[in-house]
Amino acid sequence: MVVPFPAGGGTDVIARILAERMRGALGQAIIIENATGANGSIGVFRQTTSKRWSMAYYSLSYDLLGDLAPISAVAAVPSVLYAKAFLPAKDLKELIVWLRAKSNKASAGVATEVTAC
C-alpha cells in the first residue's frame, strides 16, 4: 500500500491500521511504502500508471460518481476553527456574516499538530 505522506503522520497511522485489517481478511501481509514529497504527488504517481494518470485529465471509461460507491468510512478527523479574540464574531454564524461583509479583511490557513500521548 503506497502512502503518499511520511511515516508516523495521521495518514500513515490510518493506513497501517487499515493494512492490518486487510491482512486478516486477505490472509496475506500488506506492506506499507511511504512515498513522500511534493505534497503527496510522488506517492500518487507511484501507485498509478501513466495511462490511469492521463485518464484523470481526459474522459474516463467509467462514471466516477455513478459506477463507484463508498463501502466504509475509514477515519474521522476532528477540526477546530479559531480566530483572534478581538474578532467581533462570537460563533460560526456571526463569523460567516462578518466574513461576507469584510472578505477583504480576512485570510485563512491550515495548521496541523501531532501530539504524542
N, C-alpha and C. Protein backbone atom coordinates (compact mmCIF):
# COMPACT_ATOMS: atom_id res chain seq x y z
N MET A 1 0.85 -1.15 0.00
CA MET A 1 0.00 0.00 0.00
C MET A 1 0.91 1.23 0.00
N VAL A 2 0.74 2.08 -0.99
CA VAL A 2 1.54 3.30 -1.07
C VAL A 2 0.83 4.39 -0.28
N VAL A 3 1.54 4.97 0.67
CA VAL A 3 1.03 6.08 1.46
C VAL A 3 1.83 7.31 1.05
N PRO A 4 1.17 8.33 0.50
CA PRO A 4 1.91 9.47 -0.04
C PRO A 4 2.34 10.50 0.99
N PHE A 5 2.42 10.10 2.25
CA PHE A 5 2.82 11.02 3.32
C PHE A 5 3.80 10.32 4.25
N PRO A 6 4.53 11.08 5.09
CA PRO A 6 5.58 10.49 5.92
C PRO A 6 5.07 9.48 6.94
N ALA A 7 5.95 8.56 7.28
CA ALA A 7 5.66 7.59 8.35
C ALA A 7 5.45 8.34 9.66
N GLY A 8 4.50 7.88 10.43
CA GLY A 8 4.23 8.48 11.74
C GLY A 8 3.15 9.54 11.72
N GLY A 9 2.79 10.03 10.54
CA GLY A 9 1.73 11.03 10.45
C GLY A 9 0.36 10.37 10.49
N GLY A 10 -0.68 11.18 10.52
CA GLY A 10 -2.03 10.68 10.62
C GLY A 10 -2.42 9.74 9.50
N THR A 11 -2.07 10.08 8.26
CA THR A 11 -2.41 9.23 7.12
C THR A 11 -1.70 7.88 7.23
N ASP A 12 -0.46 7.89 7.66
CA ASP A 12 0.31 6.66 7.82
C ASP A 12 -0.30 5.77 8.90
N VAL A 13 -0.69 6.35 10.01
CA VAL A 13 -1.29 5.58 11.10
C VAL A 13 -2.58 4.91 10.63
N ILE A 14 -3.42 5.67 9.93
CA ILE A 14 -4.67 5.12 9.42
C ILE A 14 -4.38 4.00 8.42
N ALA A 15 -3.40 4.20 7.54
CA ALA A 15 -3.06 3.17 6.55
C ALA A 15 -2.58 1.90 7.23
N ARG A 16 -1.81 2.02 8.29
CA ARG A 16 -1.29 0.83 8.98
C ARG A 16 -2.40 0.07 9.69
N ILE A 17 -3.34 0.79 10.26
CA ILE A 17 -4.49 0.12 10.88
C ILE A 17 -5.32 -0.58 9.81
N LEU A 18 -5.56 0.10 8.71
CA LEU A 18 -6.32 -0.48 7.61
C LEU A 18 -5.60 -1.69 7.02
N ALA A 19 -4.28 -1.59 6.86
CA ALA A 19 -3.49 -2.71 6.30
C ALA A 19 -3.58 -3.93 7.21
N GLU A 20 -3.57 -3.72 8.50
CA GLU A 20 -3.67 -4.85 9.43
C GLU A 20 -5.02 -5.54 9.30
N ARG A 21 -6.07 -4.76 9.16
CA ARG A 21 -7.41 -5.35 8.96
C ARG A 21 -7.49 -6.08 7.62
N MET A 22 -6.87 -5.50 6.59
CA MET A 22 -6.86 -6.14 5.27
C MET A 22 -6.08 -7.45 5.32
N ARG A 23 -4.99 -7.48 6.10
CA ARG A 23 -4.18 -8.69 6.21
C ARG A 23 -5.04 -9.84 6.71
N GLY A 24 -5.84 -9.57 7.72
CA GLY A 24 -6.71 -10.62 8.25
C GLY A 24 -7.72 -11.09 7.23
N ALA A 25 -8.32 -10.15 6.50
CA ALA A 25 -9.35 -10.51 5.52
C ALA A 25 -8.75 -11.22 4.30
N LEU A 26 -7.57 -10.79 3.88
CA LEU A 26 -6.95 -11.35 2.68
C LEU A 26 -6.05 -12.55 2.96
N GLY A 27 -5.63 -12.70 4.21
CA GLY A 27 -4.75 -13.81 4.55
C GLY A 27 -3.33 -13.61 4.08
N GLN A 28 -2.92 -12.38 3.86
CA GLN A 28 -1.54 -12.10 3.46
C GLN A 28 -1.15 -10.71 3.96
N ALA A 29 0.14 -10.50 4.08
CA ALA A 29 0.64 -9.23 4.60
C ALA A 29 0.43 -8.11 3.59
N ILE A 30 0.16 -6.93 4.09
CA ILE A 30 0.09 -5.71 3.29
C ILE A 30 1.28 -4.87 3.71
N ILE A 31 2.15 -4.56 2.77
CA ILE A 31 3.35 -3.78 3.07
C ILE A 31 3.07 -2.32 2.79
N ILE A 32 3.43 -1.47 3.74
CA ILE A 32 3.24 -0.03 3.61
C ILE A 32 4.52 0.56 3.03
N GLU A 33 4.39 1.35 1.96
CA GLU A 33 5.51 2.09 1.40
C GLU A 33 5.17 3.57 1.49
N ASN A 34 5.91 4.32 2.27
CA ASN A 34 5.71 5.76 2.37
C ASN A 34 6.52 6.43 1.27
N ALA A 35 5.81 7.00 0.30
CA ALA A 35 6.44 7.70 -0.82
C ALA A 35 6.10 9.18 -0.66
N THR A 36 6.97 9.88 0.06
CA THR A 36 6.67 11.25 0.45
C THR A 36 7.19 12.27 -0.55
N GLY A 37 6.72 13.47 -0.39
CA GLY A 37 7.22 14.60 -1.17
C GLY A 37 6.18 15.18 -2.10
N ALA A 38 6.39 16.44 -2.43
CA ALA A 38 5.54 17.18 -3.37
C ALA A 38 4.08 17.16 -2.94
N ASN A 39 3.86 17.28 -1.63
CA ASN A 39 2.50 17.33 -1.07
C ASN A 39 1.66 16.12 -1.48
N GLY A 40 2.28 14.96 -1.54
CA GLY A 40 1.56 13.73 -1.86
C GLY A 40 1.64 13.30 -3.31
N SER A 41 2.09 14.17 -4.20
CA SER A 41 2.11 13.85 -5.62
C SER A 41 3.02 12.68 -5.97
N ILE A 42 4.15 12.56 -5.29
CA ILE A 42 5.09 11.48 -5.59
C ILE A 42 4.44 10.12 -5.29
N GLY A 43 3.76 10.02 -4.17
CA GLY A 43 3.07 8.78 -3.83
C GLY A 43 1.93 8.48 -4.77
N VAL A 44 1.21 9.49 -5.19
CA VAL A 44 0.11 9.29 -6.14
C VAL A 44 0.66 8.77 -7.46
N PHE A 45 1.75 9.36 -7.96
CA PHE A 45 2.35 8.88 -9.20
C PHE A 45 2.88 7.45 -9.03
N ARG A 46 3.38 7.12 -7.85
CA ARG A 46 3.94 5.79 -7.61
C ARG A 46 2.87 4.71 -7.74
N GLN A 47 1.63 5.03 -7.35
CA GLN A 47 0.60 4.00 -7.34
C GLN A 47 -0.30 4.02 -8.57
N THR A 48 -0.01 4.86 -9.52
CA THR A 48 -0.82 4.89 -10.73
C THR A 48 0.07 4.69 -11.94
N THR A 49 -0.47 4.12 -12.98
CA THR A 49 0.28 4.02 -14.22
C THR A 49 0.05 5.29 -15.01
N SER A 50 0.87 5.52 -16.02
CA SER A 50 0.70 6.74 -16.81
C SER A 50 -0.65 6.75 -17.50
N LYS A 51 -1.16 5.57 -17.87
CA LYS A 51 -2.47 5.51 -18.52
C LYS A 51 -3.56 5.96 -17.55
N ARG A 52 -3.51 5.45 -16.32
CA ARG A 52 -4.51 5.86 -15.33
C ARG A 52 -4.39 7.34 -15.02
N TRP A 53 -3.16 7.82 -14.92
CA TRP A 53 -2.97 9.23 -14.60
C TRP A 53 -3.53 10.12 -15.70
N SER A 54 -3.30 9.75 -16.95
CA SER A 54 -3.81 10.57 -18.05
C SER A 54 -5.33 10.56 -18.07
N MET A 55 -5.94 9.49 -17.57
CA MET A 55 -7.40 9.42 -17.53
C MET A 55 -7.98 10.46 -16.58
N ALA A 56 -7.19 10.92 -15.63
CA ALA A 56 -7.67 11.96 -14.71
C ALA A 56 -7.87 13.28 -15.45
N TYR A 57 -7.12 13.45 -16.53
CA TYR A 57 -7.22 14.69 -17.30
C TYR A 57 -8.19 14.58 -18.47
N TYR A 58 -8.46 13.36 -18.90
CA TYR A 58 -9.31 13.14 -20.06
C TYR A 58 -10.54 12.35 -19.64
N SER A 59 -11.34 11.94 -20.59
CA SER A 59 -12.56 11.21 -20.25
C SER A 59 -12.22 9.84 -19.68
N LEU A 60 -13.00 9.43 -18.69
CA LEU A 60 -12.79 8.14 -18.05
C LEU A 60 -13.65 7.10 -18.73
N SER A 61 -13.26 5.84 -18.61
CA SER A 61 -14.04 4.76 -19.20
C SER A 61 -15.17 4.33 -18.27
N TYR A 62 -15.34 5.02 -17.17
CA TYR A 62 -16.42 4.73 -16.22
C TYR A 62 -16.91 6.04 -15.63
N ASP A 63 -18.08 5.99 -15.04
CA ASP A 63 -18.67 7.16 -14.39
C ASP A 63 -18.20 7.17 -12.94
N LEU A 64 -17.33 8.10 -12.60
CA LEU A 64 -16.71 8.15 -11.28
C LEU A 64 -17.76 8.16 -10.17
N LEU A 65 -18.81 8.95 -10.31
CA LEU A 65 -19.82 9.04 -9.27
C LEU A 65 -20.89 7.95 -9.39
N GLY A 66 -21.19 7.52 -10.60
CA GLY A 66 -22.25 6.54 -10.80
C GLY A 66 -21.81 5.10 -10.66
N ASP A 67 -20.56 4.79 -11.02
CA ASP A 67 -20.10 3.41 -11.01
C ASP A 67 -19.38 3.00 -9.72
N LEU A 68 -18.98 3.96 -8.93
CA LEU A 68 -18.29 3.65 -7.67
C LEU A 68 -19.15 4.10 -6.50
N ALA A 69 -19.10 3.34 -5.43
CA ALA A 69 -19.87 3.68 -4.23
C ALA A 69 -18.98 3.48 -3.01
N PRO A 70 -19.10 4.37 -2.03
CA PRO A 70 -18.32 4.19 -0.80
C PRO A 70 -18.79 2.93 -0.07
N ILE A 71 -17.85 2.19 0.51
CA ILE A 71 -18.21 0.99 1.23
C ILE A 71 -17.94 1.09 2.72
N SER A 72 -17.11 2.06 3.10
CA SER A 72 -16.80 2.17 4.52
C SER A 72 -16.14 3.51 4.81
N ALA A 73 -16.46 4.06 5.95
CA ALA A 73 -15.71 5.21 6.45
C ALA A 73 -14.40 4.66 7.01
N VAL A 74 -13.30 5.30 6.71
CA VAL A 74 -12.01 4.82 7.18
C VAL A 74 -11.56 5.58 8.41
N ALA A 75 -11.81 6.89 8.44
CA ALA A 75 -11.35 7.69 9.57
C ALA A 75 -12.18 8.95 9.68
N ALA A 76 -12.20 9.50 10.86
CA ALA A 76 -12.82 10.80 11.11
C ALA A 76 -11.75 11.70 11.72
N VAL A 77 -11.64 12.89 11.21
CA VAL A 77 -10.61 13.81 11.70
C VAL A 77 -11.31 15.04 12.28
N PRO A 78 -11.16 15.28 13.56
CA PRO A 78 -11.79 16.46 14.15
C PRO A 78 -11.11 17.74 13.67
N SER A 79 -11.88 18.78 13.51
CA SER A 79 -11.35 20.08 13.08
C SER A 79 -11.76 21.15 14.08
N VAL A 80 -10.93 22.13 14.21
CA VAL A 80 -11.21 23.24 15.10
C VAL A 80 -11.07 24.53 14.31
N LEU A 81 -12.02 25.41 14.46
CA LEU A 81 -11.98 26.73 13.83
C LEU A 81 -11.74 27.74 14.94
N TYR A 82 -10.71 28.56 14.79
CA TYR A 82 -10.45 29.56 15.82
C TYR A 82 -10.05 30.86 15.17
N ALA A 83 -10.21 31.94 15.94
CA ALA A 83 -9.89 33.28 15.45
C ALA A 83 -9.33 34.10 16.60
N LYS A 84 -8.74 35.23 16.25
CA LYS A 84 -8.20 36.12 17.28
C LYS A 84 -9.34 36.63 18.15
N ALA A 85 -9.04 36.87 19.42
CA ALA A 85 -10.06 37.25 20.39
C ALA A 85 -10.74 38.57 20.06
N PHE A 86 -10.07 39.48 19.36
CA PHE A 86 -10.69 40.78 19.08
C PHE A 86 -11.68 40.75 17.92
N LEU A 87 -11.80 39.62 17.24
CA LEU A 87 -12.76 39.49 16.16
C LEU A 87 -14.18 39.64 16.73
N PRO A 88 -15.04 40.43 16.08
CA PRO A 88 -16.37 40.65 16.65
C PRO A 88 -17.29 39.43 16.62
N ALA A 89 -16.97 38.42 15.88
CA ALA A 89 -17.81 37.22 15.81
C ALA A 89 -17.60 36.34 17.04
N LYS A 90 -18.67 35.89 17.63
CA LYS A 90 -18.59 35.04 18.83
C LYS A 90 -18.99 33.60 18.55
N ASP A 91 -19.51 33.31 17.34
CA ASP A 91 -19.85 31.95 16.95
C ASP A 91 -19.76 31.84 15.44
N LEU A 92 -20.01 30.66 14.90
CA LEU A 92 -19.84 30.43 13.46
C LEU A 92 -20.79 31.28 12.63
N LYS A 93 -22.04 31.42 13.06
CA LYS A 93 -23.00 32.25 12.32
C LYS A 93 -22.51 33.69 12.21
N GLU A 94 -22.06 34.25 13.31
CA GLU A 94 -21.55 35.62 13.30
C GLU A 94 -20.29 35.74 12.46
N LEU A 95 -19.44 34.72 12.48
CA LEU A 95 -18.23 34.74 11.67
C LEU A 95 -18.58 34.78 10.18
N ILE A 96 -19.54 33.97 9.77
CA ILE A 96 -19.96 33.96 8.37
C ILE A 96 -20.49 35.32 7.95
N VAL A 97 -21.31 35.95 8.78
CA VAL A 97 -21.85 37.29 8.48
C VAL A 97 -20.70 38.28 8.37
N TRP A 98 -19.76 38.24 9.31
CA TRP A 98 -18.63 39.16 9.31
C TRP A 98 -17.75 38.95 8.07
N LEU A 99 -17.49 37.67 7.71
CA LEU A 99 -16.67 37.39 6.54
C LEU A 99 -17.32 37.87 5.24
N ARG A 100 -18.62 37.74 5.14
CA ARG A 100 -19.32 38.23 3.94
C ARG A 100 -19.22 39.74 3.84
N ALA A 101 -19.26 40.43 4.96
CA ALA A 101 -19.19 41.89 4.96
C ALA A 101 -17.76 42.40 4.81
N LYS A 102 -16.79 41.66 5.29
CA LYS A 102 -15.39 42.12 5.34
C LYS A 102 -14.44 41.11 4.70
N SER A 103 -14.81 40.56 3.56
CA SER A 103 -13.99 39.50 2.97
C SER A 103 -12.57 39.96 2.64
N ASN A 104 -12.39 41.25 2.41
CA ASN A 104 -11.04 41.76 2.12
C ASN A 104 -10.20 41.90 3.38
N LYS A 105 -10.76 41.68 4.54
CA LYS A 105 -10.04 41.83 5.81
C LYS A 105 -9.65 40.48 6.42
N ALA A 106 -9.94 39.40 5.73
CA ALA A 106 -9.71 38.08 6.31
C ALA A 106 -8.78 37.24 5.45
N SER A 107 -8.12 36.31 6.08
CA SER A 107 -7.33 35.30 5.37
C SER A 107 -7.48 34.00 6.15
N ALA A 108 -7.14 32.91 5.50
CA ALA A 108 -7.30 31.60 6.14
C ALA A 108 -6.01 30.81 5.99
N GLY A 109 -5.83 29.88 6.87
CA GLY A 109 -4.69 28.99 6.80
C GLY A 109 -5.05 27.67 7.43
N VAL A 110 -4.25 26.66 7.13
CA VAL A 110 -4.46 25.35 7.70
C VAL A 110 -3.20 24.97 8.47
N ALA A 111 -3.38 24.52 9.69
CA ALA A 111 -2.25 24.10 10.50
C ALA A 111 -2.55 22.74 11.08
N THR A 112 -1.54 21.91 11.23
CA THR A 112 -1.73 20.61 11.84
C THR A 112 -0.73 20.48 13.00
N GLU A 113 -1.12 19.71 13.97
CA GLU A 113 -0.25 19.48 15.10
C GLU A 113 -0.43 18.03 15.54
N VAL A 114 0.65 17.36 15.76
CA VAL A 114 0.59 15.99 16.27
C VAL A 114 1.07 16.03 17.70
N THR A 115 0.26 15.50 18.58
CA THR A 115 0.61 15.47 19.99
C THR A 115 0.82 14.04 20.42
N ALA A 116 1.95 13.75 20.98
CA ALA A 116 2.21 12.39 21.49
C ALA A 116 1.47 12.17 22.78
N CYS A 117 0.91 10.99 22.94
CA CYS A 117 0.18 10.66 24.16
C CYS A 117 1.09 9.97 25.16
